[in-house]
């Protein structure tokens, strides 16, 4: 389901059971034109691959970067993901985000969540 406020749809595509106390999880994030994610963190970090379109990523106080289809990105554990949005107002964009988590660990924590 697409969030009507942000134009973002997150779909779980991989959720492997625990092995040696670790869980592998992956989500597909689809952005409508102009779509974005709310400010968030990935406590265990994230490995990102852009499938389609272009996405703007801004981590902590670093200058945001534009990633195109085929590009990848590593987000360190706990970094503030201040900017994550479609770079286009005309075309959709999609990415895959992979997480290696401890059992019971949440892949994403949004600003303001407890």
C-alpha atoms as a PDB file:
ATOM      1  CA  UNK A   1       0.000   0.000   0.000  1.00  0.00           C
ATOM      2  CA  UNK A   2       1.327   3.446  -0.926  1.00  0.00           C
ATOM      3  CA  UNK A   3       1.485   6.111   1.788  1.00  0.00           C
ATOM      4  CA  UNK A   4      -0.662   8.889   0.307  1.00  0.00           C
ATOM      5  CA  UNK A   5       1.266  11.567   2.259  1.00  0.00           C
ATOM      6  CA  UNK A   6       4.706  10.547   1.000  1.00  0.00           C
ATOM      7  CA  UNK A   7       4.189   8.629  -2.264  1.00  0.00           C
ATOM      8  CA  UNK A   8       6.228   5.733  -0.828  1.00  0.00           C
ATOM      9  CA  UNK A   9       5.331   2.025  -0.882  1.00  0.00           C
ATOM     10  CA  UNK A  10       7.420  -0.459   1.135  1.00  0.00           C
ATOM     11  CA  UNK A  11       7.046  -4.185   0.388  1.00  0.00           C
ATOM     12  CA  UNK A  12       8.901  -6.966   2.211  1.00  0.00           C
ATOM     13  CA  UNK A  13      10.564  -9.187  -0.397  1.00  0.00           C
ATOM     14  CA  UNK A  14      12.816 -11.325   1.813  1.00  0.00           C
ATOM     15  CA  UNK A  15      12.501 -12.380   5.439  1.00  0.00           C
ATOM     16  CA  UNK A  16      14.749 -15.349   6.160  1.00  0.00           C
ATOM     17  CA  UNK A  17      14.566 -17.162   9.494  1.00  0.00           C
ATOM     18  CA  UNK A  18      17.253 -16.756  12.121  1.00  0.00           C
ATOM     19  CA  UNK A  19      20.568 -18.502  11.644  1.00  0.00           C
ATOM     20  CA  UNK A  20      23.272 -18.087  14.264  1.00  0.00           C
ATOM     21  CA  UNK A  21      21.172 -15.309  15.826  1.00  0.00           C
ATOM     22  CA  UNK A  22      20.947 -13.255  12.628  1.00  0.00           C
ATOM     23  CA  UNK A  23      17.994 -12.568  10.333  1.00  0.00           C
ATOM     24  CA  UNK A  24      18.242 -11.383   6.715  1.00  0.00           C
ATOM     25  CA  UNK A  25      15.473  -9.016   5.635  1.00  0.00           C
ATOM     26  CA  UNK A  26      14.951  -7.053   2.425  1.00  0.00           C
ATOM     27  CA  UNK A  27      12.346  -4.544   1.335  1.00  0.00           C
ATOM     28  CA  UNK A  28      11.475  -2.988  -1.981  1.00  0.00           C
ATOM     29  CA  UNK A  29      10.782   0.738  -1.781  1.00  0.00           C
ATOM     30  CA  UNK A  30       8.783   2.233  -4.641  1.00  0.00           C
ATOM     31  CA  UNK A  31       8.512   6.004  -4.937  1.00  0.00           C
ATOM     32  CA  UNK A  32       5.876   7.741  -6.996  1.00  0.00           C
ATOM     33  CA  UNK A  33       7.164  10.803  -8.871  1.00  0.00           C
ATOM     34  CA  UNK A  34       8.213  13.248  -6.132  1.00  0.00           C
ATOM     35  CA  UNK A  35       7.788  10.554  -3.458  1.00  0.00           C
ATOM     36  CA  UNK A  36       9.945  10.381  -0.333  1.00  0.00           C
ATOM     37  CA  UNK A  37      10.565   8.554   2.951  1.00  0.00           C
ATOM     38  CA  UNK A  38      10.108  10.101   6.369  1.00  0.00           C
ATOM     39  CA  UNK A  39      13.338  10.749   8.324  1.00  0.00           C
ATOM     40  CA  UNK A  40      14.546   7.458   9.795  1.00  0.00           C
ATOM     41  CA  UNK A  41      17.451   5.278  10.942  1.00  0.00           C
ATOM     42  CA  UNK A  42      18.476   1.682  10.294  1.00  0.00           C
ATOM     43  CA  UNK A  43      19.875   0.442  13.646  1.00  0.00           C
ATOM     44  CA  UNK A  44      21.814  -2.380  11.940  1.00  0.00           C
ATOM     45  CA  UNK A  45      22.704  -0.408   8.802  1.00  0.00           C
ATOM     46  CA  UNK A  46      21.416  -0.993   5.279  1.00  0.00           C
ATOM     47  CA  UNK A  47      22.705  -2.141   1.899  1.00  0.00           C
ATOM     48  CA  UNK A  48      20.780  -0.381  -0.888  1.00  0.00           C
ATOM     49  CA  UNK A  49      20.519  -1.107  -4.620  1.00  0.00           C
ATOM     50  CA  UNK A  50      18.602   1.216  -6.966  1.00  0.00           C
ATOM     51  CA  UNK A  51      16.437  -0.794  -9.384  1.00  0.00           C
ATOM     52  CA  UNK A  52      14.763   1.943 -11.410  1.00  0.00           C
ATOM     53  CA  UNK A  53      14.974   5.709 -11.793  1.00  0.00           C
ATOM     54  CA  UNK A  54      17.101   7.952  -9.567  1.00  0.00           C
ATOM     55  CA  UNK A  55      17.000   8.439  -5.806  1.00  0.00           C
ATOM     56  CA  UNK A  56      18.507  11.180  -3.632  1.00  0.00           C
ATOM     57  CA  UNK A  57      20.121   9.948  -0.385  1.00  0.00           C
ATOM     58  CA  UNK A  58      21.319  12.157   2.435  1.00  0.00           C
ATOM     59  CA  UNK A  59      22.910  10.591   5.526  1.00  0.00           C
ATOM     60  CA  UNK A  60      23.684  12.527   8.729  1.00  0.00           C
ATOM     61  CA  UNK A  61      25.151  15.915   7.780  1.00  0.00           C
ATOM     62  CA  UNK A  62      26.733  14.709   4.518  1.00  0.00           C
ATOM     63  CA  UNK A  63      25.832  16.314   1.207  1.00  0.00           C
ATOM     64  CA  UNK A  64      22.979  14.331  -0.449  1.00  0.00           C
ATOM     65  CA  UNK A  65      23.965  12.181  -3.435  1.00  0.00           C
ATOM     66  CA  UNK A  66      21.987  11.050  -6.471  1.00  0.00           C
ATOM     67  CA  UNK A  67      21.999   7.331  -7.203  1.00  0.00           C
ATOM     68  CA  UNK A  68      20.760   5.944 -10.517  1.00  0.00           C
ATOM     69  CA  UNK A  69      19.480   2.510 -11.492  1.00  0.00           C
ATOM     70  CA  UNK A  70      22.325   0.027 -10.984  1.00  0.00           C
ATOM     71  CA  UNK A  71      24.046   2.077  -8.246  1.00  0.00           C
ATOM     72  CA  UNK A  72      24.448   0.814  -4.690  1.00  0.00           C
ATOM     73  CA  UNK A  73      24.888   2.474  -1.319  1.00  0.00           C
ATOM     74  CA  UNK A  74      25.847   1.449   2.221  1.00  0.00           C
ATOM     75  CA  UNK A  75      24.227   3.155   5.174  1.00  0.00           C
ATOM     76  CA  UNK A  76      26.135   2.732   8.477  1.00  0.00           C
ATOM     77  CA  UNK A  77      24.265   1.480  11.552  1.00  0.00           C
ATOM     78  CA  UNK A  78      22.281   4.183  13.329  1.00  0.00           C
ATOM     79  CA  UNK A  79      23.015   6.935  10.779  1.00  0.00           C
ATOM     80  CA  UNK A  80      20.261   9.522  10.394  1.00  0.00           C
ATOM     81  CA  UNK A  81      18.709   8.995   6.977  1.00  0.00           C
ATOM     82  CA  UNK A  82      17.567  12.601   6.612  1.00  0.00           C
ATOM     83  CA  UNK A  83      16.914  12.519   2.838  1.00  0.00           C
ATOM     84  CA  UNK A  84      15.546   9.590   0.847  1.00  0.00           C
ATOM     85  CA  UNK A  85      13.435  10.583  -2.119  1.00  0.00           C
ATOM     86  CA  UNK A  86      12.760  10.168  -5.776  1.00  0.00           C
ATOM     87  CA  UNK A  87      14.953  12.551  -7.769  1.00  0.00           C
ATOM     88  CA  UNK A  88      12.222  12.931 -10.397  1.00  0.00           C
ATOM     89  CA  UNK A  89       8.876  14.718 -10.316  1.00  0.00           C
ATOM     90  CA  UNK A  90       7.867  12.868 -13.523  1.00  0.00           C
ATOM     91  CA  UNK A  91       9.018   9.241 -13.260  1.00  0.00           C
ATOM     92  CA  UNK A  92       8.836   6.565 -10.525  1.00  0.00           C
ATOM     93  CA  UNK A  93      11.894   5.163  -8.759  1.00  0.00           C
ATOM     94  CA  UNK A  94      12.517   1.881  -6.915  1.00  0.00           C
ATOM     95  CA  UNK A  95      15.205   0.429  -4.687  1.00  0.00           C
ATOM     96  CA  UNK A  96      15.984  -2.684  -2.667  1.00  0.00           C
ATOM     97  CA  UNK A  97      17.249  -2.333   0.904  1.00  0.00           C
ATOM     98  CA  UNK A  98      18.884  -5.339   2.608  1.00  0.00           C
ATOM     99  CA  UNK A  99      19.345  -5.689   6.363  1.00  0.00           C
ATOM    100  CA  UNK A 100      21.276  -8.184   8.514  1.00  0.00           C
ATOM    101  CA  UNK A 101      19.519  -8.018  11.878  1.00  0.00           C
ATOM    102  CA  UNK A 102      19.745  -9.509  15.324  1.00  0.00           C
ATOM    103  CA  UNK A 103      16.664 -11.531  16.290  1.00  0.00           C
ATOM    104  CA  UNK A 104      13.821  -9.154  17.141  1.00  0.00           C
ATOM    105  CA  UNK A 105      15.696  -6.095  15.841  1.00  0.00           C
ATOM    106  CA  UNK A 106      13.687  -3.630  13.751  1.00  0.00           C
ATOM    107  CA  UNK A 107      15.196  -2.787  10.336  1.00  0.00           C
ATOM    108  CA  UNK A 108      13.855   0.794  10.384  1.00  0.00           C
ATOM    109  CA  UNK A 109      13.052   3.288  13.137  1.00  0.00           C
ATOM    110  CA  UNK A 110      11.303   6.508  12.109  1.00  0.00           C
ATOM    111  CA  UNK A 111      12.003   9.841  13.798  1.00  0.00           C
ATOM    112  CA  UNK A 112       9.466  10.294  16.572  1.00  0.00           C
ATOM    113  CA  UNK A 113       8.903   6.539  17.061  1.00  0.00           C
ATOM    114  CA  UNK A 114       9.765   5.274  20.507  1.00  0.00           C
END
